[in-house]
């Protein structure tokens, strides 16, 4: 609105302040979330009984706690898409976690 009213210097100043603030908040958010150990895990699994229990058992073995979980049934592939927000511990071995999740044969895709 300031630029439309002819106040170009004020609108340029406000734009610069907003960009600096957003970039600083972005960095602060990354530091805050990284220290908390919050991650998102996306899995594609066979639509099998007790798959959620098996996945949760593997996650607990690695010291991971599920905070929220969303499960979507993919009728075309006859699979489940599982999206979980998790809290991790420092020093998490992601490759070991991925191997443990896929070792059951029911998990076909893991994205952390």
PDB file of N, CA and C in Angstrom:
ATOM      1  N   UNK A   1       0.823  -1.179   0.000  1.00  0.00           N
ATOM      2  CA  UNK A   1       0.000   0.000   0.000  1.00  0.00           C
ATOM      3  C   UNK A   1       0.870   1.246   0.000  1.00  0.00           C
ATOM      4  N   UNK A   2       2.009   1.152   0.671  1.00  0.00           N
ATOM      5  CA  UNK A   2       2.885   2.322   0.732  1.00  0.00           C
ATOM      6  C   UNK A   2       3.424   2.667  -0.643  1.00  0.00           C
ATOM      7  N   UNK A   3       3.768   1.630  -1.431  1.00  0.00           N
ATOM      8  CA  UNK A   3       4.301   1.895  -2.770  1.00  0.00           C
ATOM      9  C   UNK A   3       3.225   2.505  -3.657  1.00  0.00           C
ATOM     10  N   UNK A   4       1.996   2.062  -3.499  1.00  0.00           N
ATOM     11  CA  UNK A   4       0.892   2.603  -4.288  1.00  0.00           C
ATOM     12  C   UNK A   4       0.607   4.055  -3.957  1.00  0.00           C
ATOM     13  N   UNK A   5       0.936   4.463  -2.735  1.00  0.00           N
ATOM     14  CA  UNK A   5       0.704   5.843  -2.325  1.00  0.00           C
ATOM     15  C   UNK A   5       1.906   6.727  -2.640  1.00  0.00           C
ATOM     16  N   UNK A   6       2.950   6.133  -3.274  1.00  0.00           N
ATOM     17  CA  UNK A   6       4.118   6.919  -3.647  1.00  0.00           C
ATOM     18  C   UNK A   6       5.209   6.930  -2.597  1.00  0.00           C
ATOM     19  N   UNK A   7       5.086   6.171  -1.548  1.00  0.00           N
ATOM     20  CA  UNK A   7       6.078   6.139  -0.476  1.00  0.00           C
ATOM     21  C   UNK A   7       7.042   4.973  -0.740  1.00  0.00           C
ATOM     22  N   UNK A   8       7.864   5.126  -1.780  1.00  0.00           N
ATOM     23  CA  UNK A   8       8.731   4.046  -2.243  1.00  0.00           C
ATOM     24  C   UNK A   8       9.844   3.720  -1.247  1.00  0.00           C
ATOM     25  N   UNK A   9      10.402   4.721  -0.629  1.00  0.00           N
ATOM     26  CA  UNK A   9      11.494   4.487   0.321  1.00  0.00           C
ATOM     27  C   UNK A   9      11.003   3.664   1.516  1.00  0.00           C
ATOM     28  N   UNK A  10       9.837   3.994   2.021  1.00  0.00           N
ATOM     29  CA  UNK A  10       9.277   3.257   3.152  1.00  0.00           C
ATOM     30  C   UNK A  10       8.932   1.827   2.791  1.00  0.00           C
ATOM     31  N   UNK A  11       8.396   1.624   1.602  1.00  0.00           N
ATOM     32  CA  UNK A  11       8.038   0.269   1.187  1.00  0.00           C
ATOM     33  C   UNK A  11       9.286  -0.573   0.936  1.00  0.00           C
ATOM     34  N   UNK A  12      10.342   0.013   0.392  1.00  0.00           N
ATOM     35  CA  UNK A  12      11.601  -0.700   0.191  1.00  0.00           C
ATOM     36  C   UNK A  12      12.218  -1.067   1.537  1.00  0.00           C
ATOM     37  N   UNK A  13      12.213  -0.150   2.483  1.00  0.00           N
ATOM     38  CA  UNK A  13      12.741  -0.410   3.821  1.00  0.00           C
ATOM     39  C   UNK A  13      11.961  -1.542   4.499  1.00  0.00           C
ATOM     40  N   UNK A  14      10.644  -1.501   4.405  1.00  0.00           N
ATOM     41  CA  UNK A  14       9.809  -2.536   5.025  1.00  0.00           C
ATOM     42  C   UNK A  14      10.073  -3.896   4.376  1.00  0.00           C
ATOM     43  N   UNK A  15      10.247  -3.923   3.062  1.00  0.00           N
ATOM     44  CA  UNK A  15      10.540  -5.172   2.354  1.00  0.00           C
ATOM     45  C   UNK A  15      11.861  -5.767   2.812  1.00  0.00           C
ATOM     46  N   UNK A  16      12.879  -4.935   2.959  1.00  0.00           N
ATOM     47  CA  UNK A  16      14.196  -5.414   3.413  1.00  0.00           C
ATOM     48  C   UNK A  16      14.104  -5.954   4.834  1.00  0.00           C
ATOM     49  N   UNK A  17      13.414  -5.253   5.711  1.00  0.00           N
ATOM     50  CA  UNK A  17      13.246  -5.718   7.103  1.00  0.00           C
ATOM     51  C   UNK A  17      12.499  -7.055   7.126  1.00  0.00           C
ATOM     52  N   UNK A  18      11.475  -7.219   6.321  1.00  0.00           N
ATOM     53  CA  UNK A  18      10.699  -8.460   6.279  1.00  0.00           C
ATOM     54  C   UNK A  18      11.564  -9.614   5.788  1.00  0.00           C
ATOM     55  N   UNK A  19      12.350  -9.402   4.747  1.00  0.00           N
ATOM     56  CA  UNK A  19      13.212 -10.460   4.214  1.00  0.00           C
ATOM     57  C   UNK A  19      14.252 -10.880   5.254  1.00  0.00           C
ATOM     58  N   UNK A  20      14.866  -9.921   5.921  1.00  0.00           N
ATOM     59  CA  UNK A  20      15.857 -10.242   6.962  1.00  0.00           C
ATOM     60  C   UNK A  20      15.194 -11.013   8.102  1.00  0.00           C
ATOM     61  N   UNK A  21      14.038 -10.568   8.531  1.00  0.00           N
ATOM     62  CA  UNK A  21      13.326 -11.237   9.622  1.00  0.00           C
ATOM     63  C   UNK A  21      12.959 -12.664   9.248  1.00  0.00           C
ATOM     64  N   UNK A  22      12.437 -12.874   8.046  1.00  0.00           N
ATOM     65  CA  UNK A  22      12.066 -14.220   7.616  1.00  0.00           C
ATOM     66  C   UNK A  22      13.277 -15.148   7.515  1.00  0.00           C
ATOM     67  N   UNK A  23      14.390 -14.646   7.023  1.00  0.00           N
ATOM     68  CA  UNK A  23      15.580 -15.498   6.922  1.00  0.00           C
ATOM     69  C   UNK A  23      16.117 -15.853   8.307  1.00  0.00           C
ATOM     70  N   UNK A  24      16.087 -14.897   9.246  1.00  0.00           N
ATOM     71  CA  UNK A  24      16.533 -15.197  10.608  1.00  0.00           C
ATOM     72  C   UNK A  24      15.596 -16.183  11.308  1.00  0.00           C
ATOM     73  N   UNK A  25      14.306 -16.014  11.113  1.00  0.00           N
ATOM     74  CA  UNK A  25      13.348 -16.955  11.704  1.00  0.00           C
ATOM     75  C   UNK A  25      13.490 -18.349  11.109  1.00  0.00           C
ATOM     76  N   UNK A  26      13.799 -18.431   9.818  1.00  0.00           N
ATOM     77  CA  UNK A  26      14.006 -19.729   9.177  1.00  0.00           C
ATOM     78  C   UNK A  26      15.204 -20.452   9.803  1.00  0.00           C
ATOM     79  N   UNK A  27      16.301 -19.739  10.001  1.00  0.00           N
ATOM     80  CA  UNK A  27      17.486 -20.334  10.627  1.00  0.00           C
ATOM     81  C   UNK A  27      17.203 -20.745  12.069  1.00  0.00           C
ATOM     82  N   UNK A  28      16.491 -19.909  12.791  1.00  0.00           N
ATOM     83  CA  UNK A  28      16.159 -20.209  14.182  1.00  0.00           C
ATOM     84  C   UNK A  28      15.264 -21.445  14.266  1.00  0.00           C
ATOM     85  N   UNK A  29      14.318 -21.549  13.347  1.00  0.00           N
ATOM     86  CA  UNK A  29      13.416 -22.703  13.323  1.00  0.00           C
ATOM     87  C   UNK A  29      14.188 -23.993  13.056  1.00  0.00           C
ATOM     88  N   UNK A  30      15.128 -23.961  12.125  1.00  0.00           N
ATOM     89  CA  UNK A  30      15.926 -25.156  11.834  1.00  0.00           C
ATOM     90  C   UNK A  30      16.753 -25.574  13.038  1.00  0.00           C
ATOM     91  N   UNK A  31      17.344 -24.630  13.736  1.00  0.00           N
ATOM     92  CA  UNK A  31      18.128 -24.947  14.926  1.00  0.00           C
ATOM     93  C   UNK A  31      17.229 -25.508  16.015  1.00  0.00           C
ATOM     94  N   UNK A  32      16.083 -24.902  16.212  1.00  0.00           N
ATOM     95  CA  UNK A  32      15.159 -25.339  17.253  1.00  0.00           C
ATOM     96  C   UNK A  32      14.647 -26.750  16.974  1.00  0.00           C
ATOM     97  N   UNK A  33      14.236 -27.021  15.740  1.00  0.00           N
ATOM     98  CA  UNK A  33      13.714 -28.337  15.402  1.00  0.00           C
ATOM     99  C   UNK A  33      14.813 -29.396  15.395  1.00  0.00           C
ATOM    100  N   UNK A  34      16.016 -29.032  14.987  1.00  0.00           N
ATOM    101  CA  UNK A  34      17.112 -30.003  14.978  1.00  0.00           C
ATOM    102  C   UNK A  34      17.495 -30.403  16.393  1.00  0.00           C
ATOM    103  N   UNK A  35      17.469 -29.457  17.316  1.00  0.00           N
ATOM    104  CA  UNK A  35      17.832 -29.793  18.689  1.00  0.00           C
ATOM    105  C   UNK A  35      16.760 -30.648  19.347  1.00  0.00           C
ATOM    106  N   UNK A  36      15.533 -30.516  18.902  1.00  0.00           N
ATOM    107  CA  UNK A  36      14.446 -31.309  19.451  1.00  0.00           C
ATOM    108  C   UNK A  36      14.437 -32.720  18.896  1.00  0.00           C
ATOM    109  N   UNK A  37      15.043 -32.904  17.739  1.00  0.00           N
ATOM    110  CA  UNK A  37      15.076 -34.219  17.134  1.00  0.00           C
ATOM    111  C   UNK A  37      13.763 -34.618  16.487  1.00  0.00           C
ATOM    112  N   UNK A  38      13.026 -33.656  15.957  1.00  0.00           N
ATOM    113  CA  UNK A  38      11.762 -33.946  15.302  1.00  0.00           C
ATOM    114  C   UNK A  38      12.012 -34.244  13.827  1.00  0.00           C
ATOM    115  N   UNK A  39      11.508 -35.381  13.378  1.00  0.00           N
ATOM    116  CA  UNK A  39      11.678 -35.771  11.982  1.00  0.00           C
ATOM    117  C   UNK A  39      10.370 -36.324  11.455  1.00  0.00           C
ATOM    118  N   UNK A  40      10.294 -36.445  10.154  1.00  0.00           N
ATOM    119  CA  UNK A  40       9.135 -37.053   9.507  1.00  0.00           C
ATOM    120  C   UNK A  40       9.591 -38.329   8.815  1.00  0.00           C
ATOM    121  N   UNK A  41       8.843 -39.396   9.014  1.00  0.00           N
ATOM    122  CA  UNK A  41       9.151 -40.677   8.377  1.00  0.00           C
ATOM    123  C   UNK A  41       7.970 -41.048   7.494  1.00  0.00           C
ATOM    124  N   UNK A  42       8.258 -41.317   6.226  1.00  0.00           N
ATOM    125  CA  UNK A  42       7.234 -41.737   5.267  1.00  0.00           C
ATOM    126  C   UNK A  42       7.523 -43.181   4.873  1.00  0.00           C
ATOM    127  N   UNK A  43       6.528 -44.041   5.013  1.00  0.00           N
ATOM    128  CA  UNK A  43       6.682 -45.459   4.694  1.00  0.00           C
ATOM    129  C   UNK A  43       5.608 -45.884   3.706  1.00  0.00           C
ATOM    130  N   UNK A  44       5.968 -46.795   2.822  1.00  0.00           N
ATOM    131  CA  UNK A  44       5.005 -47.474   1.967  1.00  0.00           C
ATOM    132  C   UNK A  44       5.086 -48.938   2.355  1.00  0.00           C
ATOM    133  N   UNK A  45       3.953 -49.498   2.807  1.00  0.00           N
ATOM    134  CA  UNK A  45       3.941 -50.873   3.298  1.00  0.00           C
ATOM    135  C   UNK A  45       2.836 -51.667   2.621  1.00  0.00           C
ATOM    136  N   UNK A  46       2.956 -52.991   2.733  1.00  0.00           N
ATOM    137  CA  UNK A  46       1.865 -53.854   2.299  1.00  0.00           C
ATOM    138  C   UNK A  46       0.706 -53.651   3.260  1.00  0.00           C
ATOM    139  N   UNK A  47      -0.490 -53.820   2.760  1.00  0.00           N
ATOM    140  CA  UNK A  47      -1.678 -53.696   3.601  1.00  0.00           C
ATOM    141  C   UNK A  47      -1.858 -55.020   4.343  1.00  0.00           C
ATOM    142  N   UNK A  48      -1.089 -55.175   5.424  1.00  0.00           N
ATOM    143  CA  UNK A  48      -1.079 -56.419   6.190  1.00  0.00           C
ATOM    144  C   UNK A  48      -1.537 -56.149   7.623  1.00  0.00           C
ATOM    145  N   UNK A  49      -2.103 -57.171   8.255  1.00  0.00           N
ATOM    146  CA  UNK A  49      -2.504 -56.989   9.650  1.00  0.00           C
ATOM    147  C   UNK A  49      -1.286 -56.750  10.546  1.00  0.00           C
ATOM    148  N   UNK A  50      -1.441 -55.921  11.530  1.00  0.00           N
ATOM    149  CA  UNK A  50      -0.422 -55.634  12.540  1.00  0.00           C
ATOM    150  C   UNK A  50       0.841 -54.971  11.981  1.00  0.00           C
ATOM    151  N   UNK A  51       0.762 -54.347  10.802  1.00  0.00           N
ATOM    152  CA  UNK A  51       1.940 -53.671  10.262  1.00  0.00           C
ATOM    153  C   UNK A  51       2.310 -52.465  11.108  1.00  0.00           C
ATOM    154  N   UNK A  52       1.323 -51.773  11.646  1.00  0.00           N
ATOM    155  CA  UNK A  52       1.602 -50.601  12.475  1.00  0.00           C
ATOM    156  C   UNK A  52       2.347 -51.029  13.745  1.00  0.00           C
ATOM    157  N   UNK A  53       1.937 -52.128  14.336  1.00  0.00           N
ATOM    158  CA  UNK A  53       2.619 -52.641  15.529  1.00  0.00           C
ATOM    159  C   UNK A  53       4.062 -53.011  15.245  1.00  0.00           C
ATOM    160  N   UNK A  54       4.311 -53.624  14.081  1.00  0.00           N
ATOM    161  CA  UNK A  54       5.679 -54.002  13.704  1.00  0.00           C
ATOM    162  C   UNK A  54       6.548 -52.765  13.488  1.00  0.00           C
ATOM    163  N   UNK A  55       5.987 -51.768  12.813  1.00  0.00           N
ATOM    164  CA  UNK A  55       6.729 -50.524  12.562  1.00  0.00           C
ATOM    165  C   UNK A  55       7.033 -49.836  13.892  1.00  0.00           C
ATOM    166  N   UNK A  56       6.041 -49.760  14.765  1.00  0.00           N
ATOM    167  CA  UNK A  56       6.244 -49.112  16.066  1.00  0.00           C
ATOM    168  C   UNK A  56       7.299 -49.850  16.894  1.00  0.00           C
ATOM    169  N   UNK A  57       7.329 -51.163  16.822  1.00  0.00           N
ATOM    170  CA  UNK A  57       8.325 -51.946  17.549  1.00  0.00           C
ATOM    171  C   UNK A  57       9.742 -51.621  17.072  1.00  0.00           C
ATOM    172  N   UNK A  58       9.912 -51.504  15.758  1.00  0.00           N
ATOM    173  CA  UNK A  58      11.230 -51.156  15.197  1.00  0.00           C
ATOM    174  C   UNK A  58      11.621 -49.742  15.613  1.00  0.00           C
ATOM    175  N   UNK A  59      10.680 -48.805  15.552  1.00  0.00           N
ATOM    176  CA  UNK A  59      10.987 -47.427  15.931  1.00  0.00           C
ATOM    177  C   UNK A  59      11.368 -47.347  17.414  1.00  0.00           C
ATOM    178  N   UNK A  60      10.641 -48.059  18.272  1.00  0.00           N
ATOM    179  CA  UNK A  60      10.963 -48.057  19.704  1.00  0.00           C
ATOM    180  C   UNK A  60      12.336 -48.670  19.967  1.00  0.00           C
ATOM    181  N   UNK A  61      12.697 -49.665  19.191  1.00  0.00           N
ATOM    182  CA  UNK A  61      14.020 -50.296  19.328  1.00  0.00           C
ATOM    183  C   UNK A  61      15.142 -49.279  19.101  1.00  0.00           C
ATOM    184  N   UNK A  62      14.885 -48.323  18.226  1.00  0.00           N
ATOM    185  CA  UNK A  62      15.880 -47.286  17.913  1.00  0.00           C
ATOM    186  C   UNK A  62      15.698 -46.032  18.770  1.00  0.00           C
ATOM    187  N   UNK A  63      14.824 -46.080  19.761  1.00  0.00           N
ATOM    188  CA  UNK A  63      14.620 -44.947  20.656  1.00  0.00           C
ATOM    189  C   UNK A  63      13.805 -43.824  20.055  1.00  0.00           C
ATOM    190  N   UNK A  64      12.921 -44.168  19.131  1.00  0.00           N
ATOM    191  CA  UNK A  64      12.110 -43.175  18.438  1.00  0.00           C
ATOM    192  C   UNK A  64      10.684 -43.253  18.962  1.00  0.00           C
ATOM    193  N   UNK A  65      10.115 -42.096  19.289  1.00  0.00           N
ATOM    194  CA  UNK A  65       8.737 -42.031  19.768  1.00  0.00           C
ATOM    195  C   UNK A  65       7.870 -41.368  18.700  1.00  0.00           C
ATOM    196  N   UNK A  66       6.733 -41.964  18.402  1.00  0.00           N
ATOM    197  CA  UNK A  66       5.801 -41.414  17.421  1.00  0.00           C
ATOM    198  C   UNK A  66       4.957 -40.343  18.107  1.00  0.00           C
ATOM    199  N   UNK A  67       4.940 -39.135  17.518  1.00  0.00           N
ATOM    200  CA  UNK A  67       4.100 -38.070  18.072  1.00  0.00           C
ATOM    201  C   UNK A  67       2.754 -38.008  17.351  1.00  0.00           C
ATOM    202  N   UNK A  68       2.783 -38.090  16.023  1.00  0.00           N
ATOM    203  CA  UNK A  68       1.540 -38.160  15.251  1.00  0.00           C
ATOM    204  C   UNK A  68       1.748 -39.134  14.099  1.00  0.00           C
ATOM    205  N   UNK A  69       0.656 -39.738  13.672  1.00  0.00           N
ATOM    206  CA  UNK A  69       0.741 -40.690  12.560  1.00  0.00           C
ATOM    207  C   UNK A  69      -0.490 -40.532  11.685  1.00  0.00           C
ATOM    208  N   UNK A  70      -0.274 -40.602  10.373  1.00  0.00           N
ATOM    209  CA  UNK A  70      -1.362 -40.567   9.398  1.00  0.00           C
ATOM    210  C   UNK A  70      -1.212 -41.783   8.500  1.00  0.00           C
ATOM    211  N   UNK A  71      -2.318 -42.467   8.255  1.00  0.00           N
ATOM    212  CA  UNK A  71      -2.289 -43.677   7.443  1.00  0.00           C
ATOM    213  C   UNK A  71      -3.276 -43.499   6.298  1.00  0.00           C
ATOM    214  N   UNK A  72      -2.782 -43.719   5.088  1.00  0.00           N
ATOM    215  CA  UNK A  72      -3.614 -43.616   3.897  1.00  0.00           C
ATOM    216  C   UNK A  72      -3.584 -44.953   3.163  1.00  0.00           C
ATOM    217  N   UNK A  73      -4.734 -45.439   2.778  1.00  0.00           N
ATOM    218  CA  UNK A  73      -4.812 -46.681   2.013  1.00  0.00           C
ATOM    219  C   UNK A  73      -4.739 -46.345   0.532  1.00  0.00           C
ATOM    220  N   UNK A  74      -3.793 -46.963  -0.164  1.00  0.00           N
ATOM    221  CA  UNK A  74      -3.650 -46.790  -1.604  1.00  0.00           C
ATOM    222  C   UNK A  74      -4.283 -48.009  -2.264  1.00  0.00           C
ATOM    223  N   UNK A  75      -5.469 -47.842  -2.784  1.00  0.00           N
ATOM    224  CA  UNK A  75      -6.236 -48.954  -3.346  1.00  0.00           C
ATOM    225  C   UNK A  75      -5.599 -49.462  -4.634  1.00  0.00           C
ATOM    226  N   UNK A  76      -5.013 -48.577  -5.402  1.00  0.00           N
ATOM    227  CA  UNK A  76      -4.425 -48.964  -6.686  1.00  0.00           C
ATOM    228  C   UNK A  76      -3.226 -49.897  -6.475  1.00  0.00           C
ATOM    229  N   UNK A  77      -2.345 -49.562  -5.536  1.00  0.00           N
ATOM    230  CA  UNK A  77      -1.155 -50.384  -5.270  1.00  0.00           C
ATOM    231  C   UNK A  77      -1.402 -51.428  -4.192  1.00  0.00           C
ATOM    232  N   UNK A  78      -2.566 -51.433  -3.584  1.00  0.00           N
ATOM    233  CA  UNK A  78      -2.897 -52.308  -2.457  1.00  0.00           C
ATOM    234  C   UNK A  78      -1.834 -52.174  -1.363  1.00  0.00           C
ATOM    235  N   UNK A  79      -1.616 -50.935  -0.953  1.00  0.00           N
ATOM    236  CA  UNK A  79      -0.589 -50.661   0.059  1.00  0.00           C
ATOM    237  C   UNK A  79      -1.090 -49.581   1.009  1.00  0.00           C
ATOM    238  N   UNK A  80      -0.305 -49.355   2.048  1.00  0.00           N
ATOM    239  CA  UNK A  80      -0.569 -48.275   2.991  1.00  0.00           C
ATOM    240  C   UNK A  80       0.548 -47.254   2.890  1.00  0.00           C
ATOM    241  N   UNK A  81       0.197 -45.994   2.899  1.00  0.00           N
ATOM    242  CA  UNK A  81       1.168 -44.910   2.992  1.00  0.00           C
ATOM    243  C   UNK A  81       1.091 -44.392   4.415  1.00  0.00           C
ATOM    244  N   UNK A  82       2.185 -44.514   5.141  1.00  0.00           N
ATOM    245  CA  UNK A  82       2.228 -44.108   6.545  1.00  0.00           C
ATOM    246  C   UNK A  82       3.143 -42.900   6.661  1.00  0.00           C
ATOM    247  N   UNK A  83       2.619 -41.827   7.233  1.00  0.00           N
ATOM    248  CA  UNK A  83       3.400 -40.614   7.472  1.00  0.00           C
ATOM    249  C   UNK A  83       3.387 -40.381   8.977  1.00  0.00           C
ATOM    250  N   UNK A  84       4.581 -40.413   9.584  1.00  0.00           N
ATOM    251  CA  UNK A  84       4.665 -40.278  11.034  1.00  0.00           C
ATOM    252  C   UNK A  84       5.624 -39.150  11.397  1.00  0.00           C
ATOM    253  N   UNK A  85       5.200 -38.287  12.301  1.00  0.00           N
ATOM    254  CA  UNK A  85       6.088 -37.299  12.902  1.00  0.00           C
ATOM    255  C   UNK A  85       6.643 -37.962  14.158  1.00  0.00           C
ATOM    256  N   UNK A  86       7.967 -37.977  14.265  1.00  0.00           N
ATOM    257  CA  UNK A  86       8.602 -38.703  15.360  1.00  0.00           C
ATOM    258  C   UNK A  86       9.612 -37.822  16.076  1.00  0.00           C
ATOM    259  N   UNK A  87       9.902 -38.199  17.318  1.00  0.00           N
ATOM    260  CA  UNK A  87      10.947 -37.554  18.102  1.00  0.00           C
ATOM    261  C   UNK A  87      12.078 -38.551  18.228  1.00  0.00           C
ATOM    262  N   UNK A  88      13.275 -38.123  17.824  1.00  0.00           N
ATOM    263  CA  UNK A  88      14.427 -39.023  17.810  1.00  0.00           C
ATOM    264  C   UNK A  88      15.414 -38.660  18.914  1.00  0.00           C
ATOM    265  N   UNK A  89      16.312 -39.582  19.137  1.00  0.00           N
ATOM    266  CA  UNK A  89      17.397 -39.351  20.082  1.00  0.00           C
ATOM    267  C   UNK A  89      18.637 -38.913  19.307  1.00  0.00           C
ATOM    268  N   UNK A  90      19.556 -38.211  19.954  1.00  0.00           N
ATOM    269  CA  UNK A  90      20.796 -37.828  19.267  1.00  0.00           C
ATOM    270  C   UNK A  90      21.585 -39.071  18.854  1.00  0.00           C
ATOM    271  N   UNK A  91      22.244 -38.987  17.725  1.00  0.00           N
ATOM    272  CA  UNK A  91      23.076 -40.089  17.247  1.00  0.00           C
ATOM    273  C   UNK A  91      22.289 -41.199  16.580  1.00  0.00           C
ATOM    274  N   UNK A  92      21.133 -40.897  16.037  1.00  0.00           N
ATOM    275  CA  UNK A  92      20.316 -41.897  15.372  1.00  0.00           C
ATOM    276  C   UNK A  92      21.028 -42.389  14.114  1.00  0.00           C
ATOM    277  N   UNK A  93      21.133 -43.710  13.977  1.00  0.00           N
ATOM    278  CA  UNK A  93      21.726 -44.321  12.789  1.00  0.00           C
ATOM    279  C   UNK A  93      20.600 -44.558  11.783  1.00  0.00           C
ATOM    280  N   UNK A  94      20.490 -43.672  10.812  1.00  0.00           N
ATOM    281  CA  UNK A  94      19.375 -43.711   9.870  1.00  0.00           C
ATOM    282  C   UNK A  94      19.459 -44.936   8.962  1.00  0.00           C
ATOM    283  N   UNK A  95      20.644 -45.315   8.532  1.00  0.00           N
ATOM    284  CA  UNK A  95      20.752 -46.479   7.650  1.00  0.00           C
ATOM    285  C   UNK A  95      20.351 -47.758   8.377  1.00  0.00           C
ATOM    286  N   UNK A  96      20.719 -47.878   9.648  1.00  0.00           N
ATOM    287  CA  UNK A  96      20.319 -49.041  10.439  1.00  0.00           C
ATOM    288  C   UNK A  96      18.801 -49.076  10.623  1.00  0.00           C
ATOM    289  N   UNK A  97      18.213 -47.926  10.885  1.00  0.00           N
ATOM    290  CA  UNK A  97      16.756 -47.839  11.029  1.00  0.00           C
ATOM    291  C   UNK A  97      16.071 -48.243   9.730  1.00  0.00           C
ATOM    292  N   UNK A  98      16.550 -47.727   8.614  1.00  0.00           N
ATOM    293  CA  UNK A  98      15.966 -48.052   7.313  1.00  0.00           C
ATOM    294  C   UNK A  98      16.081 -49.551   7.025  1.00  0.00           C
ATOM    295  N   UNK A  99      17.239 -50.137   7.327  1.00  0.00           N
ATOM    296  CA  UNK A  99      17.427 -51.576   7.103  1.00  0.00           C
ATOM    297  C   UNK A  99      16.493 -52.399   7.976  1.00  0.00           C
ATOM    298  N   UNK A 100      16.329 -52.003   9.234  1.00  0.00           N
ATOM    299  CA  UNK A 100      15.434 -52.727  10.136  1.00  0.00           C
ATOM    300  C   UNK A 100      13.980 -52.643   9.676  1.00  0.00           C
ATOM    301  N   UNK A 101      13.579 -51.477   9.168  1.00  0.00           N
ATOM    302  CA  UNK A 101      12.202 -51.316   8.704  1.00  0.00           C
ATOM    303  C   UNK A 101      11.923 -52.164   7.460  1.00  0.00           C
ATOM    304  N   UNK A 102      12.873 -52.231   6.540  1.00  0.00           N
ATOM    305  CA  UNK A 102      12.661 -52.978   5.296  1.00  0.00           C
ATOM    306  C   UNK A 102      12.952 -54.463   5.443  1.00  0.00           C
ATOM    307  N   UNK A 103      13.554 -54.891   6.542  1.00  0.00           N
ATOM    308  CA  UNK A 103      13.918 -56.307   6.702  1.00  0.00           C
ATOM    309  C   UNK A 103      12.700 -57.210   6.853  1.00  0.00           C
ATOM    310  N   UNK A 104      11.566 -56.678   7.271  1.00  0.00           N
ATOM    311  CA  UNK A 104      10.364 -57.502   7.423  1.00  0.00           C
ATOM    312  C   UNK A 104       9.770 -57.917   6.072  1.00  0.00           C
ATOM    313  N   UNK A 105      10.124 -57.202   5.017  1.00  0.00           N
ATOM    314  CA  UNK A 105       9.575 -57.499   3.705  1.00  0.00           C
ATOM    315  C   UNK A 105       8.227 -56.856   3.455  1.00  0.00           C
ATOM    316  N   UNK A 106       7.618 -56.299   4.476  1.00  0.00           N
ATOM    317  CA  UNK A 106       6.315 -55.653   4.292  1.00  0.00           C
ATOM    318  C   UNK A 106       6.455 -54.163   4.035  1.00  0.00           C
ATOM    319  N   UNK A 107       7.609 -53.592   4.371  1.00  0.00           N
ATOM    320  CA  UNK A 107       7.875 -52.178   4.108  1.00  0.00           C
ATOM    321  C   UNK A 107       8.693 -52.094   2.829  1.00  0.00           C
ATOM    322  N   UNK A 108       8.142 -51.424   1.810  1.00  0.00           N
ATOM    323  CA  UNK A 108       8.833 -51.365   0.528  1.00  0.00           C
ATOM    324  C   UNK A 108       9.595 -50.072   0.297  1.00  0.00           C
ATOM    325  N   UNK A 109       9.200 -48.990   0.980  1.00  0.00           N
ATOM    326  CA  UNK A 109       9.860 -47.702   0.766  1.00  0.00           C
ATOM    327  C   UNK A 109       9.926 -46.940   2.078  1.00  0.00           C
ATOM    328  N   UNK A 110      11.119 -46.403   2.380  1.00  0.00           N
ATOM    329  CA  UNK A 110      11.338 -45.637   3.589  1.00  0.00           C
ATOM    330  C   UNK A 110      11.944 -44.306   3.206  1.00  0.00           C
ATOM    331  N   UNK A 111      11.364 -43.224   3.713  1.00  0.00           N
ATOM    332  CA  UNK A 111      11.909 -41.882   3.503  1.00  0.00           C
ATOM    333  C   UNK A 111      11.944 -41.166   4.833  1.00  0.00           C
ATOM    334  N   UNK A 112      13.139 -40.734   5.232  1.00  0.00           N
ATOM    335  CA  UNK A 112      13.306 -40.045   6.518  1.00  0.00           C
ATOM    336  C   UNK A 112      13.774 -38.635   6.250  1.00  0.00           C
TER     337      UNK A 112
END
